[in-house]
Amino acid sequence: IMREFSELESEAEGKATTLATTLAERAFDFDSHPEKPIPIFTIAEMPLCTAGNLTNIQAPPKAGKSAVVESMMAAGMNGNRQGPDTLGFEAENPQGRALIHFDTEQSRFDHDALIRRACRRARVERPPAWFQSYSLADLDIYQRRGAVRHVMAEAASAHGGIFAVMIDGI
């Protein structure tokens, strides 16, 4: 038992050292200035979502959150060509990195309709190869978490990184 406790203690010390290093790398440093993040989505030429940050869209039920997500997907698919119906959202993905969408609330039929509307808004016949969308409404929370991790890893590998991940509903 003492040997097992000693091993656990060593492991805990190792984790504490790793945590200390991780925190030291993230501590505010007045003499160092991080690079300004690149806007991923803008609206009216103002950055809305930037690389490395989370953006949350909140509103009461049936207020149009999915339409906003649909418009943002269309902006990502469109590449800022003239004339898209994106409710003012703009996005450029010249590297063709993965744009991933997960729908956790709607039926497969409604999910399909959402993506088809996004394509019409973007004025594209079909989504680009780097666009992926999944209907997860019928999966439990553990399956959803696993799916998100799996899809992100696979898409990052296949498309040289991730442009954006959208989770519609939580």
C-alpha atoms as a PDB file:
ATOM      1  CA  ILE A   1       0.000   0.000   0.000  1.00  0.00           C
ATOM      2  CA  MET A   2       2.850   2.417   0.823  1.00  0.00           C
ATOM      3  CA  ARG A   3       4.401   1.723  -2.574  1.00  0.00           C
ATOM      4  CA  GLU A   4       1.092   2.435  -4.347  1.00  0.00           C
ATOM      5  CA  PHE A   5       0.678   5.645  -2.333  1.00  0.00           C
ATOM      6  CA  SER A   6       4.215   6.691  -3.226  1.00  0.00           C
ATOM      7  CA  GLU A   7       3.526   6.096  -6.927  1.00  0.00           C
ATOM      8  CA  LEU A   8       0.327   8.127  -6.700  1.00  0.00           C
ATOM      9  CA  GLU A   9       2.155  10.891  -4.878  1.00  0.00           C
ATOM     10  CA  SER A  10       4.834  11.005  -7.612  1.00  0.00           C
ATOM     11  CA  GLU A  11       2.171  11.096 -10.281  1.00  0.00           C
ATOM     12  CA  ALA A  12       0.392  13.960  -8.479  1.00  0.00           C
ATOM     13  CA  GLU A  13       3.671  15.876  -8.189  1.00  0.00           C
ATOM     14  CA  GLY A  14       4.268  15.366 -11.901  1.00  0.00           C
ATOM     15  CA  LYS A  15       0.797  16.677 -12.701  1.00  0.00           C
ATOM     16  CA  ALA A  16       1.344  19.668 -10.401  1.00  0.00           C
ATOM     17  CA  THR A  17       4.605  20.459 -12.218  1.00  0.00           C
ATOM     18  CA  THR A  18       2.868  20.156 -15.586  1.00  0.00           C
ATOM     19  CA  LEU A  19       0.029  22.374 -14.356  1.00  0.00           C
ATOM     20  CA  ALA A  20       2.514  24.941 -13.003  1.00  0.00           C
ATOM     21  CA  THR A  21       4.291  25.029 -16.376  1.00  0.00           C
ATOM     22  CA  THR A  22       0.997  25.305 -18.232  1.00  0.00           C
ATOM     23  CA  LEU A  23      -0.127  28.189 -16.006  1.00  0.00           C
ATOM     24  CA  ALA A  24       3.237  29.974 -16.284  1.00  0.00           C
ATOM     25  CA  GLU A  25       2.895  29.941 -20.075  1.00  0.00           C
ATOM     26  CA  ARG A  26      -0.533  31.592 -19.761  1.00  0.00           C
ATOM     27  CA  ALA A  27       0.188  34.195 -17.087  1.00  0.00           C
ATOM     28  CA  PHE A  28      -0.219  37.861 -18.006  1.00  0.00           C
ATOM     29  CA  ASP A  29       3.144  39.340 -18.990  1.00  0.00           C
ATOM     30  CA  PHE A  30       3.191  43.124 -19.324  1.00  0.00           C
ATOM     31  CA  ASP A  31       6.290  43.000 -21.548  1.00  0.00           C
ATOM     32  CA  SER A  32       4.811  40.531 -24.023  1.00  0.00           C
ATOM     33  CA  HIS A  33       1.971  41.227 -26.440  1.00  0.00           C
ATOM     34  CA  PRO A  34       0.101  38.284 -28.010  1.00  0.00           C
ATOM     35  CA  GLU A  35      -0.752  38.513 -31.695  1.00  0.00           C
ATOM     36  CA  LYS A  36      -4.119  40.057 -32.492  1.00  0.00           C
ATOM     37  CA  PRO A  37      -6.566  37.271 -33.451  1.00  0.00           C
ATOM     38  CA  ILE A  38      -7.741  36.946 -37.022  1.00  0.00           C
ATOM     39  CA  PRO A  39     -11.473  37.565 -37.532  1.00  0.00           C
ATOM     40  CA  ILE A  40     -13.257  34.407 -38.654  1.00  0.00           C
ATOM     41  CA  PHE A  41     -16.697  35.968 -39.045  1.00  0.00           C
ATOM     42  CA  THR A  42     -17.524  39.645 -39.309  1.00  0.00           C
ATOM     43  CA  ILE A  43     -20.748  41.601 -39.504  1.00  0.00           C
ATOM     44  CA  ALA A  44     -20.853  45.135 -40.890  1.00  0.00           C
ATOM     45  CA  GLU A  45     -17.043  44.914 -41.159  1.00  0.00           C
ATOM     46  CA  MET A  46     -16.769  44.441 -37.385  1.00  0.00           C
ATOM     47  CA  PRO A  47     -15.118  41.266 -36.049  1.00  0.00           C
ATOM     48  CA  LEU A  48     -17.674  38.954 -34.494  1.00  0.00           C
ATOM     49  CA  CYS A  49     -15.746  35.708 -34.026  1.00  0.00           C
ATOM     50  CA  THR A  50     -11.971  35.482 -33.871  1.00  0.00           C
ATOM     51  CA  ALA A  51      -9.567  32.563 -34.076  1.00  0.00           C
ATOM     52  CA  GLY A  52      -9.111  30.798 -30.758  1.00  0.00           C
ATOM     53  CA  ASN A  53     -12.191  32.257 -29.097  1.00  0.00           C
ATOM     54  CA  LEU A  54     -15.653  30.920 -28.328  1.00  0.00           C
ATOM     55  CA  THR A  55     -18.727  32.799 -29.482  1.00  0.00           C
ATOM     56  CA  ASN A  56     -22.160  32.144 -28.023  1.00  0.00           C
ATOM     57  CA  ILE A  57     -25.445  33.134 -29.641  1.00  0.00           C
ATOM     58  CA  GLN A  58     -28.285  33.274 -27.118  1.00  0.00           C
ATOM     59  CA  ALA A  59     -31.947  34.071 -27.574  1.00  0.00           C
ATOM     60  CA  PRO A  60     -35.318  32.694 -26.474  1.00  0.00           C
ATOM     61  CA  PRO A  61     -36.734  29.650 -28.284  1.00  0.00           C
ATOM     62  CA  LYS A  62     -37.854  30.283 -31.867  1.00  0.00           C
ATOM     63  CA  ALA A  63     -36.073  33.659 -32.004  1.00  0.00           C
ATOM     64  CA  GLY A  64     -34.027  32.706 -35.075  1.00  0.00           C
ATOM     65  CA  LYS A  65     -30.740  31.350 -33.673  1.00  0.00           C
ATOM     66  CA  SER A  66     -30.628  28.586 -36.284  1.00  0.00           C
ATOM     67  CA  ALA A  67     -31.195  31.160 -39.036  1.00  0.00           C
ATOM     68  CA  VAL A  68     -28.189  33.086 -37.737  1.00  0.00           C
ATOM     69  CA  VAL A  69     -26.064  29.916 -37.747  1.00  0.00           C
ATOM     70  CA  GLU A  70     -27.386  29.092 -41.239  1.00  0.00           C
ATOM     71  CA  SER A  71     -26.371  32.569 -42.442  1.00  0.00           C
ATOM     72  CA  MET A  72     -22.916  32.230 -40.898  1.00  0.00           C
ATOM     73  CA  MET A  73     -22.469  28.853 -42.615  1.00  0.00           C
ATOM     74  CA  ALA A  74     -23.519  30.453 -45.900  1.00  0.00           C
ATOM     75  CA  ALA A  75     -20.956  33.223 -45.407  1.00  0.00           C
ATOM     76  CA  GLY A  76     -18.281  30.609 -44.786  1.00  0.00           C
ATOM     77  CA  MET A  77     -19.283  28.623 -47.866  1.00  0.00           C
ATOM     78  CA  ASN A  78     -19.559  31.695 -50.070  1.00  0.00           C
ATOM     79  CA  GLY A  79     -16.082  33.191 -49.649  1.00  0.00           C
ATOM     80  CA  ASN A  80     -17.394  36.778 -49.735  1.00  0.00           C
ATOM     81  CA  ARG A  81     -18.595  36.636 -53.337  1.00  0.00           C
ATOM     82  CA  GLN A  82     -21.079  39.355 -54.193  1.00  0.00           C
ATOM     83  CA  GLY A  83     -24.755  38.879 -53.525  1.00  0.00           C
ATOM     84  CA  PRO A  84     -25.068  36.213 -50.815  1.00  0.00           C
ATOM     85  CA  ASP A  85     -28.013  36.313 -48.445  1.00  0.00           C
ATOM     86  CA  THR A  86     -26.021  36.024 -45.223  1.00  0.00           C
ATOM     87  CA  LEU A  87     -27.808  38.609 -43.043  1.00  0.00           C
ATOM     88  CA  GLY A  88     -24.647  40.709 -43.193  1.00  0.00           C
ATOM     89  CA  PHE A  89     -22.239  38.003 -42.000  1.00  0.00           C
ATOM     90  CA  GLU A  90     -18.976  37.725 -43.904  1.00  0.00           C
ATOM     91  CA  ALA A  91     -16.241  35.116 -43.754  1.00  0.00           C
ATOM     92  CA  GLU A  92     -13.265  34.065 -45.832  1.00  0.00           C
ATOM     93  CA  ASN A  93     -11.667  30.642 -45.726  1.00  0.00           C
ATOM     94  CA  PRO A  94      -9.034  30.779 -48.483  1.00  0.00           C
ATOM     95  CA  GLN A  95      -7.067  27.852 -47.014  1.00  0.00           C
ATOM     96  CA  GLY A  96     -10.129  25.599 -47.212  1.00  0.00           C
ATOM     97  CA  ARG A  97      -9.922  24.602 -43.568  1.00  0.00           C
ATOM     98  CA  ALA A  98     -12.783  22.594 -42.104  1.00  0.00           C
ATOM     99  CA  LEU A  99     -16.043  24.350 -41.298  1.00  0.00           C
ATOM    100  CA  ILE A 100     -17.911  21.944 -39.028  1.00  0.00           C
ATOM    101  CA  HIS A 101     -21.527  22.180 -37.903  1.00  0.00           C
ATOM    102  CA  PHE A 102     -23.291  20.009 -35.336  1.00  0.00           C
ATOM    103  CA  ASP A 103     -27.061  20.203 -34.905  1.00  0.00           C
ATOM    104  CA  THR A 104     -28.073  18.839 -31.506  1.00  0.00           C
ATOM    105  CA  GLU A 105     -31.756  19.786 -31.505  1.00  0.00           C
ATOM    106  CA  GLN A 106     -33.455  19.268 -34.848  1.00  0.00           C
ATOM    107  CA  SER A 107     -34.642  16.143 -36.619  1.00  0.00           C
ATOM    108  CA  ARG A 108     -32.613  14.805 -39.517  1.00  0.00           C
ATOM    109  CA  PHE A 109     -35.193  16.255 -41.912  1.00  0.00           C
ATOM    110  CA  ASP A 110     -34.914  19.739 -40.388  1.00  0.00           C
ATOM    111  CA  HIS A 111     -31.116  19.463 -40.246  1.00  0.00           C
ATOM    112  CA  ASP A 112     -31.054  18.598 -43.946  1.00  0.00           C
ATOM    113  CA  ALA A 113     -33.342  21.524 -44.748  1.00  0.00           C
ATOM    114  CA  LEU A 114     -31.098  23.893 -42.757  1.00  0.00           C
ATOM    115  CA  ILE A 115     -27.996  22.933 -44.743  1.00  0.00           C
ATOM    116  CA  ARG A 116     -29.834  23.165 -48.057  1.00  0.00           C
ATOM    117  CA  ARG A 117     -31.067  26.664 -47.118  1.00  0.00           C
ATOM    118  CA  ALA A 118     -27.493  27.655 -46.201  1.00  0.00           C
ATOM    119  CA  CYS A 119     -26.344  26.498 -49.648  1.00  0.00           C
ATOM    120  CA  ARG A 120     -29.107  28.559 -51.309  1.00  0.00           C
ATOM    121  CA  ARG A 121     -28.139  31.581 -49.208  1.00  0.00           C
ATOM    122  CA  ALA A 122     -24.505  31.120 -50.265  1.00  0.00           C
ATOM    123  CA  ARG A 123     -25.566  30.579 -53.879  1.00  0.00           C
ATOM    124  CA  VAL A 124     -23.602  27.356 -54.127  1.00  0.00           C
ATOM    125  CA  GLU A 125     -25.005  24.168 -55.640  1.00  0.00           C
ATOM    126  CA  ARG A 126     -23.493  22.001 -52.943  1.00  0.00           C
ATOM    127  CA  PRO A 127     -21.340  22.607 -49.869  1.00  0.00           C
ATOM    128  CA  PRO A 128     -17.562  22.724 -50.347  1.00  0.00           C
ATOM    129  CA  ALA A 129     -15.634  19.531 -49.521  1.00  0.00           C
ATOM    130  CA  TRP A 130     -14.294  21.142 -46.341  1.00  0.00           C
ATOM    131  CA  PHE A 131     -17.821  21.744 -44.978  1.00  0.00           C
ATOM    132  CA  GLN A 132     -19.171  19.016 -42.700  1.00  0.00           C
ATOM    133  CA  SER A 133     -22.454  18.932 -40.819  1.00  0.00           C
ATOM    134  CA  TYR A 134     -23.937  16.279 -38.534  1.00  0.00           C
ATOM    135  CA  SER A 135     -27.331  15.738 -36.937  1.00  0.00           C
ATOM    136  CA  LEU A 136     -26.749  14.572 -33.351  1.00  0.00           C
ATOM    137  CA  ALA A 137     -30.195  15.087 -31.820  1.00  0.00           C
ATOM    138  CA  ASP A 138     -30.786  11.365 -31.262  1.00  0.00           C
ATOM    139  CA  LEU A 139     -27.422  10.731 -29.546  1.00  0.00           C
ATOM    140  CA  ASP A 140     -26.840  10.880 -25.804  1.00  0.00           C
ATOM    141  CA  ILE A 141     -24.452  13.482 -24.377  1.00  0.00           C
ATOM    142  CA  TYR A 142     -21.495  11.073 -24.199  1.00  0.00           C
ATOM    143  CA  GLN A 143     -21.926  10.057 -27.829  1.00  0.00           C
ATOM    144  CA  ARG A 144     -22.197  13.732 -28.818  1.00  0.00           C
ATOM    145  CA  ARG A 145     -18.972  14.635 -27.007  1.00  0.00           C
ATOM    146  CA  GLY A 146     -17.179  11.720 -28.609  1.00  0.00           C
ATOM    147  CA  ALA A 147     -18.542  12.655 -32.033  1.00  0.00           C
ATOM    148  CA  VAL A 148     -17.378  16.261 -31.695  1.00  0.00           C
ATOM    149  CA  ARG A 149     -13.848  15.207 -30.692  1.00  0.00           C
ATOM    150  CA  HIS A 150     -13.664  12.573 -33.446  1.00  0.00           C
ATOM    151  CA  VAL A 151     -14.973  14.806 -36.234  1.00  0.00           C
ATOM    152  CA  MET A 152     -12.721  17.698 -35.239  1.00  0.00           C
ATOM    153  CA  ALA A 153      -9.600  15.508 -35.229  1.00  0.00           C
ATOM    154  CA  GLU A 154     -10.464  13.900 -38.561  1.00  0.00           C
ATOM    155  CA  ALA A 155     -11.431  17.186 -40.226  1.00  0.00           C
ATOM    156  CA  ALA A 156      -8.327  19.005 -38.980  1.00  0.00           C
ATOM    157  CA  SER A 157      -6.177  16.264 -40.448  1.00  0.00           C
ATOM    158  CA  ALA A 158      -8.054  16.124 -43.752  1.00  0.00           C
ATOM    159  CA  HIS A 159      -8.296  19.891 -44.323  1.00  0.00           C
ATOM    160  CA  GLY A 160      -5.134  21.313 -42.784  1.00  0.00           C
ATOM    161  CA  GLY A 161      -6.907  22.709 -39.747  1.00  0.00           C
ATOM    162  CA  ILE A 162     -10.271  23.957 -38.609  1.00  0.00           C
ATOM    163  CA  PHE A 163     -11.803  27.218 -39.738  1.00  0.00           C
ATOM    164  CA  ALA A 164     -14.765  27.118 -37.338  1.00  0.00           C
ATOM    165  CA  VAL A 165     -16.941  24.735 -35.353  1.00  0.00           C
ATOM    166  CA  MET A 166     -20.618  25.552 -34.881  1.00  0.00           C
ATOM    167  CA  ILE A 167     -22.768  23.707 -32.379  1.00  0.00           C
ATOM    168  CA  ASP A 168     -26.426  24.565 -32.842  1.00  0.00           C
ATOM    169  CA  GLY A 169     -28.127  23.786 -29.538  1.00  0.00           C
ATOM    170  CA  ILE A 170     -26.495  22.373 -26.453  1.00  0.00           C
END
